[in-house]
Amino acid sequence: MSGDDGENKDYTGTRRSKRVTASEVAKAAGVSRPAVSRAFTPGAYLDNAKRELILETAMQLGYRPNALAASLHGTSTNLVGVVAGDLNNHYDSEFIARLVAQLNAANKWPIVLGGGDRSVSKHAILSLLNYPLDALIIRGGSIPSSLISDCEKLSIPLLFSGHVVNAPYTDCICCRNGVGTSMAVELLVGRGRTAFGFIGGPKTRTSSNERLSGLSDRLAEFGLELQGVEHSDYTYEGGREALTRMIDQQPLDAIICANDAMALGALSAAQSELELRVPEDLSIIGFDDILMASWPDFNLTTIRNPLETTVSEILRLLEERLDNPEKPGEICMLDPILLERGTH
């Protein structure tokens, strides 16, 4: 087998079963253990010839310093905890993938645990607090106030994405959800739509409720009332079933959904089960702008929840918080973008 299968070899070519230690390098090079540490510490004073000897010996032995252990002696570990939202939600999974990539690019080491419901998030956060974290990022949902207090006591900065929390030294970033659905209403009313329905997420989800409020308030400004509301689970199947239930109860000509997955499910139900033409008979607009929304087979009109900007702002907030732990918490609100495609 090749030598890049994750196991160490010593300089004779014999495979080693244990990780090479700094003490072994020191013995082989004929130097002290602290000299080995200095050789791998940027800026530490050490004779150049001795440094080269140590580095060459370390390479022959297959030694690599334990970066985490070394960081514990400094002011930063570069470990960032990330409690994911619902990874079955396409937007959340795309968000986590992008966030991890950007943290890696910033030389941060993310520890990602699934979030899901409140109890899972609590368990995940308690597990993460066992690590020497520089910061903890929470995606979506809410967490018990006791866990926020725990992070305060441990001096672990908290950053919330998709949810606003009023707590000292806590930063939050969120999309203006109501603005997004308000723009969708304006677009559809301009196309002559008058009978609106809304397919939302669970009733406990703040973002879904904000999107519903923005929709209802804007309709009222046009002298219209929301004709139907269904709450589902943010899934394709949930959107398909929700639209079928609503159309069975009353005729509608416009549907706005709290996320794209449900909008795609509603689109499928409209075309394949209800024999409705989209957008001629029924307009459908989603929210988030997941990758599938732009696929030619769907071409979904949607409201972009700006993922790239969200992640870049998280990195900014994180760096500023680490540079100045005592600065007041910041709430960063991002504007959504209406993307007119083929379903409105």
Protein backbone atom coordinates (compact mmCIF):
# COMPACT_ATOMS: atom_id res chain seq x y z
CA MET A 1 0.00 0.00 0.00
CA SER A 2 1.12 3.60 -0.53
CA GLY A 3 2.48 5.70 2.29
CA ASP A 4 -0.37 8.24 2.14
CA ASP A 5 -2.97 6.03 3.82
CA GLY A 6 -2.84 7.95 7.10
CA GLU A 7 -0.32 5.77 8.97
CA ASN A 8 3.18 6.91 9.97
CA LYS A 9 6.47 5.33 8.95
CA ASP A 10 9.85 5.85 10.58
CA TYR A 11 12.92 6.76 8.51
CA THR A 12 13.81 3.08 7.94
CA GLY A 13 10.51 2.49 6.14
CA THR A 14 9.02 0.44 8.97
CA ARG A 15 5.35 1.22 9.52
CA ARG A 16 4.58 2.73 12.90
CA SER A 17 1.41 1.93 14.81
CA LYS A 18 1.50 5.06 17.02
CA ARG A 19 1.80 8.77 16.39
CA VAL A 20 5.39 10.01 16.56
CA THR A 21 5.98 12.30 19.55
CA ALA A 22 8.11 15.42 19.91
CA SER A 23 10.23 13.59 22.48
CA GLU A 24 11.11 10.94 19.88
CA VAL A 25 12.14 13.65 17.43
CA ALA A 26 14.27 15.30 20.10
CA LYS A 27 16.01 12.01 20.91
CA ALA A 28 16.68 11.19 17.26
CA ALA A 29 18.01 14.68 16.53
CA GLY A 30 20.02 14.89 19.74
CA VAL A 31 18.30 18.06 20.92
CA SER A 32 16.04 19.05 23.80
CA ARG A 33 12.26 18.67 23.76
CA PRO A 34 11.72 22.48 23.98
CA ALA A 35 13.97 22.92 20.93
CA VAL A 36 11.55 20.77 18.90
CA SER A 37 8.66 22.98 20.01
CA ARG A 38 10.56 26.12 19.02
CA ALA A 39 11.36 24.64 15.61
CA PHE A 40 7.64 24.42 14.84
CA THR A 41 6.70 27.78 16.40
CA PRO A 42 6.75 30.70 13.93
CA GLY A 43 8.96 33.50 15.21
CA ALA A 44 10.51 31.47 18.02
CA TYR A 45 14.29 31.91 18.36
CA LEU A 46 16.38 28.88 17.33
CA ASP A 47 19.70 28.45 15.54
CA ASN A 48 18.97 27.95 11.83
CA ALA A 49 21.17 24.85 11.56
CA LYS A 50 19.44 23.28 14.54
CA ARG A 51 16.00 24.15 13.14
CA GLU A 52 16.85 22.50 9.81
CA LEU A 53 18.15 19.40 11.61
CA ILE A 54 14.95 19.11 13.65
CA LEU A 55 12.66 19.64 10.65
CA GLU A 56 14.56 17.06 8.59
CA THR A 57 14.47 14.54 11.43
CA ALA A 58 10.76 15.16 11.93
CA MET A 59 10.08 14.56 8.24
CA GLN A 60 12.03 11.30 8.29
CA LEU A 61 10.12 10.09 11.33
CA GLY A 62 6.75 11.22 9.99
CA TYR A 63 6.18 13.67 12.85
CA ARG A 64 3.61 16.43 12.69
CA PRO A 65 2.95 18.77 15.62
CA ASN A 66 -0.43 18.64 17.35
CA ALA A 67 -1.82 22.00 16.26
CA LEU A 68 -4.78 21.83 18.65
CA ALA A 69 -2.61 21.10 21.67
CA ALA A 70 -0.26 23.90 20.68
CA SER A 71 -3.13 26.35 20.31
CA LEU A 72 -4.31 25.65 23.85
CA HIS A 73 -1.19 27.41 25.11
CA GLY A 74 -2.14 30.56 23.19
CA THR A 75 -5.12 32.90 23.21
CA SER A 76 -7.01 31.18 20.39
CA THR A 77 -7.75 27.59 19.43
CA ASN A 78 -9.34 28.50 16.05
CA LEU A 79 -12.10 26.01 16.91
CA VAL A 80 -15.56 27.28 15.96
CA GLY A 81 -18.64 25.32 16.96
CA VAL A 82 -21.48 25.24 14.44
CA VAL A 83 -24.94 23.99 15.38
CA ALA A 84 -26.57 23.31 12.02
CA GLY A 85 -30.22 23.86 11.31
CA ASP A 86 -32.26 21.16 9.60
CA LEU A 87 -29.81 19.50 7.21
CA ASN A 88 -32.77 18.00 5.32
CA ASN A 89 -33.61 21.60 4.43
CA HIS A 90 -31.79 22.40 1.18
CA TYR A 91 -31.03 25.99 2.15
CA ASP A 92 -29.57 24.98 5.52
CA SER A 93 -27.39 22.29 3.95
CA GLU A 94 -26.11 24.74 1.30
CA PHE A 95 -25.51 27.32 4.02
CA ILE A 96 -23.49 24.93 6.20
CA ALA A 97 -21.37 23.78 3.24
CA ARG A 98 -20.53 27.37 2.34
CA LEU A 99 -19.89 28.39 5.95
CA VAL A 100 -17.51 25.48 6.55
CA ALA A 101 -15.59 26.34 3.37
CA GLN A 102 -15.22 29.97 4.41
CA LEU A 103 -14.19 29.08 7.96
CA ASN A 104 -11.54 26.74 6.56
CA ALA A 105 -10.29 29.49 4.27
CA ALA A 106 -9.94 31.73 7.34
CA ASN A 107 -7.88 29.02 9.10
CA LYS A 108 -10.74 28.17 11.46
CA TRP A 109 -11.62 24.59 12.37
CA PRO A 110 -15.40 24.13 12.47
CA ILE A 111 -16.99 21.42 14.59
CA VAL A 112 -20.43 20.86 13.08
CA LEU A 113 -23.29 19.17 14.91
CA GLY A 114 -26.82 18.68 13.62
CA GLY A 115 -29.46 20.97 15.07
CA GLY A 116 -33.00 19.99 14.23
CA ASP A 117 -35.53 20.48 17.02
CA ARG A 118 -34.98 22.33 20.29
CA SER A 119 -33.96 19.26 22.32
CA VAL A 120 -31.40 18.15 19.74
CA SER A 121 -29.95 21.65 19.63
CA LYS A 122 -29.62 21.67 23.42
CA HIS A 123 -27.79 18.34 23.39
CA ALA A 124 -25.56 19.49 20.53
CA ILE A 125 -24.59 22.71 22.26
CA LEU A 126 -23.85 20.97 25.57
CA SER A 127 -21.56 18.61 23.66
CA LEU A 128 -19.80 21.46 21.89
CA LEU A 129 -19.15 23.27 25.17
CA ASN A 130 -16.77 20.46 26.11
CA TYR A 131 -14.35 21.86 23.52
CA PRO A 132 -12.21 25.01 23.88
CA LEU A 133 -14.21 27.02 21.35
CA ASP A 134 -13.32 30.47 20.09
CA ALA A 135 -17.00 31.00 19.20
CA LEU A 136 -20.30 29.20 18.62
CA ILE A 137 -22.52 29.76 15.57
CA ILE A 138 -26.20 28.75 15.80
CA ARG A 139 -28.11 28.33 12.54
CA GLY A 140 -31.85 29.00 12.79
CA GLY A 141 -34.28 28.08 15.54
CA SER A 142 -33.94 29.08 19.19
CA ILE A 143 -32.09 27.75 22.20
CA PRO A 144 -32.89 27.81 25.93
CA SER A 145 -31.74 30.93 27.78
CA SER A 146 -29.82 28.69 30.19
CA LEU A 147 -27.50 27.64 27.37
CA ILE A 148 -26.89 31.27 26.45
CA SER A 149 -25.91 31.86 30.07
CA ASP A 150 -23.59 28.85 29.97
CA CYS A 151 -21.78 30.31 26.97
CA GLU A 152 -21.48 33.67 28.73
CA LYS A 153 -19.91 32.02 31.79
CA LEU A 154 -17.41 30.22 29.56
CA SER A 155 -16.67 33.43 27.63
CA ILE A 156 -17.70 31.76 24.37
CA PRO A 157 -19.13 34.34 21.93
CA LEU A 158 -22.45 33.42 20.33
CA LEU A 159 -23.49 34.24 16.78
CA PHE A 160 -27.01 33.50 15.54
CA SER A 161 -27.91 33.14 11.87
CA GLY A 162 -31.58 33.33 10.89
CA HIS A 163 -32.74 34.24 14.39
CA VAL A 164 -32.43 37.41 16.47
CA VAL A 165 -31.51 37.00 20.14
CA ASN A 166 -31.15 39.93 22.49
CA ALA A 167 -28.24 38.96 24.72
CA PRO A 168 -25.03 40.76 25.74
CA TYR A 169 -22.06 40.38 23.41
CA THR A 170 -24.17 38.29 21.01
CA ASP A 171 -24.24 38.94 17.27
CA CYS A 172 -27.12 38.06 14.96
CA ILE A 173 -27.67 38.05 11.22
CA CYS A 174 -31.05 37.61 9.56
CA CYS A 175 -32.91 38.19 6.31
CA ARG A 176 -35.73 40.74 6.24
CA ASN A 177 -38.29 38.00 5.71
CA GLY A 178 -41.37 40.20 5.61
CA VAL A 179 -39.81 42.45 2.99
CA GLY A 180 -39.35 39.43 0.73
CA THR A 181 -42.96 38.27 0.75
CA SER A 182 -44.13 41.88 0.48
CA MET A 183 -42.20 42.21 -2.79
CA ALA A 184 -43.77 38.97 -4.02
CA VAL A 185 -47.27 40.31 -3.32
CA GLU A 186 -46.54 43.52 -5.21
CA LEU A 187 -45.30 41.56 -8.22
CA LEU A 188 -48.34 39.26 -8.30
CA VAL A 189 -50.94 41.97 -7.70
CA GLY A 190 -49.36 43.79 -10.62
CA ARG A 191 -50.13 40.72 -12.72
CA GLY A 192 -53.78 40.80 -11.66
CA ARG A 193 -53.69 38.14 -8.94
CA THR A 194 -56.27 38.56 -6.18
CA ALA A 195 -56.79 35.17 -4.47
CA PHE A 196 -53.65 34.43 -2.45
CA GLY A 197 -52.64 31.40 -0.42
CA PHE A 198 -49.59 30.85 1.79
CA ILE A 199 -47.78 27.59 2.51
CA GLY A 200 -45.70 28.08 5.64
CA GLY A 201 -43.37 26.06 7.79
CA PRO A 202 -44.22 24.90 11.32
CA LYS A 203 -46.17 27.49 13.33
CA THR A 204 -43.29 27.79 15.80
CA ARG A 205 -40.75 28.93 13.18
CA THR A 206 -39.99 32.63 13.42
CA SER A 207 -38.87 33.04 9.81
CA SER A 208 -42.05 31.47 8.45
CA ASN A 209 -44.22 33.66 10.67
CA GLU A 210 -42.35 36.77 9.54
CA ARG A 211 -42.87 35.80 5.91
CA LEU A 212 -46.58 35.28 6.57
CA SER A 213 -46.88 38.67 8.30
CA GLY A 214 -45.15 40.47 5.44
CA LEU A 215 -47.52 38.82 2.98
CA SER A 216 -50.69 39.61 4.95
CA ASP A 217 -49.70 43.21 5.66
CA ARG A 218 -48.91 43.96 2.02
CA LEU A 219 -52.17 42.35 0.85
CA ALA A 220 -54.07 44.58 3.27
CA GLU A 221 -52.44 47.64 1.71
CA PHE A 222 -53.96 46.54 -1.61
CA GLY A 223 -57.35 45.94 0.02
CA LEU A 224 -57.00 42.15 -0.22
CA GLU A 225 -57.21 39.34 2.33
CA LEU A 226 -55.24 36.13 2.45
CA GLN A 227 -57.61 33.36 1.30
CA GLY A 228 -55.81 30.29 2.60
CA VAL A 229 -52.96 29.26 4.91
CA GLU A 230 -51.42 25.83 5.31
CA HIS A 231 -48.52 24.97 7.61
CA SER A 232 -46.19 22.15 6.63
CA ASP A 233 -42.67 20.88 7.31
CA TYR A 234 -40.52 22.72 4.73
CA THR A 235 -40.37 19.61 2.49
CA TYR A 236 -41.27 18.96 -1.14
CA GLU A 237 -43.93 16.45 -0.13
CA GLY A 238 -45.31 18.84 2.44
CA GLY A 239 -45.74 21.55 -0.18
CA ARG A 240 -47.43 19.16 -2.58
CA GLU A 241 -49.95 18.03 0.02
CA ALA A 242 -50.56 21.57 1.31
CA LEU A 243 -51.46 22.93 -2.12
CA THR A 244 -53.86 20.05 -2.77
CA ARG A 245 -55.67 20.77 0.51
CA MET A 246 -55.95 24.50 -0.21
CA ILE A 247 -57.21 24.13 -3.78
CA ASP A 248 -59.83 21.65 -2.55
CA GLN A 249 -61.20 24.35 -0.21
CA GLN A 250 -61.26 27.42 -2.49
CA PRO A 251 -60.04 28.63 -5.88
CA LEU A 252 -56.70 30.46 -5.73
CA ASP A 253 -54.59 32.17 -8.36
CA ALA A 254 -51.42 32.89 -6.35
CA ILE A 255 -49.36 30.84 -3.89
CA ILE A 256 -46.41 32.13 -1.90
CA CYS A 257 -44.36 29.55 0.01
CA ALA A 258 -42.07 29.94 3.01
CA ASN A 259 -39.30 28.03 1.24
CA ASP A 260 -38.38 26.68 -2.17
CA ALA A 261 -38.76 22.98 -1.38
CA MET A 262 -42.45 23.45 -0.58
CA ALA A 263 -42.85 25.67 -3.64
CA LEU A 264 -41.41 22.94 -5.85
CA GLY A 265 -43.81 20.44 -4.29
CA ALA A 266 -46.70 22.82 -4.91
CA LEU A 267 -45.55 23.26 -8.51
CA SER A 268 -45.56 19.48 -9.00
CA ALA A 269 -49.04 19.11 -7.51
CA ALA A 270 -50.44 21.95 -9.60
CA GLN A 271 -49.15 20.56 -12.88
CA SER A 272 -49.41 16.80 -12.42
CA GLU A 273 -52.38 16.34 -10.08
CA LEU A 274 -54.58 19.43 -10.26
CA GLU A 275 -54.10 20.04 -14.00
CA LEU A 276 -53.39 23.72 -13.45
CA ARG A 277 -51.16 25.69 -15.77
CA VAL A 278 -48.33 27.58 -14.08
CA PRO A 279 -48.22 30.53 -14.32
CA GLU A 280 -51.32 30.97 -16.52
CA ASP A 281 -53.81 29.57 -13.97
CA LEU A 282 -51.72 29.75 -10.81
CA SER A 283 -48.65 31.76 -9.83
CA ILE A 284 -46.18 30.12 -7.42
CA ILE A 285 -43.31 31.90 -5.66
CA GLY A 286 -40.80 30.33 -3.29
CA PHE A 287 -38.30 31.68 -0.80
CA ASP A 288 -34.52 31.15 -0.34
CA ASP A 289 -33.28 30.48 -3.92
CA ILE A 290 -31.80 27.03 -3.41
CA LEU A 291 -29.76 25.57 -6.27
CA MET A 292 -32.66 23.51 -7.66
CA ALA A 293 -34.89 26.58 -7.99
CA SER A 294 -32.96 27.75 -11.05
CA TRP A 295 -32.94 24.37 -12.81
CA PRO A 296 -34.67 24.61 -16.21
CA ASP A 297 -37.25 21.96 -15.28
CA PHE A 298 -38.45 24.18 -12.41
CA ASN A 299 -37.39 27.76 -13.27
CA LEU A 300 -38.97 28.84 -10.00
CA THR A 301 -39.67 32.48 -9.29
CA THR A 302 -38.39 33.00 -5.77
CA ILE A 303 -37.06 35.39 -3.15
CA ARG A 304 -33.35 35.04 -2.60
CA ASN A 305 -32.25 34.76 1.01
CA PRO A 306 -28.70 36.04 0.32
CA LEU A 307 -26.55 33.06 1.30
CA GLU A 308 -23.18 34.37 0.11
CA THR A 309 -23.66 37.70 1.85
CA THR A 310 -24.86 35.96 5.01
CA VAL A 311 -21.75 33.81 5.21
CA SER A 312 -19.37 36.68 4.48
CA GLU A 313 -21.06 38.80 7.15
CA ILE A 314 -20.78 35.94 9.64
CA LEU A 315 -17.03 35.84 9.03
CA ARG A 316 -16.85 39.60 9.52
CA LEU A 317 -18.85 39.48 12.76
CA LEU A 318 -16.74 36.58 13.99
CA GLU A 319 -13.43 38.33 13.37
CA GLU A 320 -14.64 41.56 14.95
CA ARG A 321 -15.92 39.69 18.00
CA LEU A 322 -12.65 37.81 18.47
CA ASP A 323 -10.70 41.06 18.11
CA ASN A 324 -12.96 42.87 20.58
CA PRO A 325 -14.92 40.50 22.87
CA GLU A 326 -16.46 43.39 24.84
CA LYS A 327 -18.00 45.23 21.90
CA PRO A 328 -21.82 45.56 21.93
CA GLY A 329 -23.78 42.90 20.09
CA GLU A 330 -24.65 43.64 16.47
CA ILE A 331 -27.85 42.73 14.61
CA CYS A 332 -27.23 42.60 10.87
CA MET A 333 -30.37 42.58 8.71
CA LEU A 334 -30.01 41.65 5.04
CA ASP A 335 -32.36 42.60 2.21
CA PRO A 336 -33.84 39.76 0.14
CA ILE A 337 -33.82 39.82 -3.67
CA LEU A 338 -36.84 38.98 -5.84
CA LEU A 339 -35.85 36.71 -8.75
CA GLU A 340 -38.40 36.69 -11.56
CA ARG A 341 -38.23 33.37 -13.40
CA GLY A 342 -41.02 31.36 -14.95
CA THR A 343 -43.67 30.54 -12.33
CA HIS A 344 -45.25 33.92 -11.55
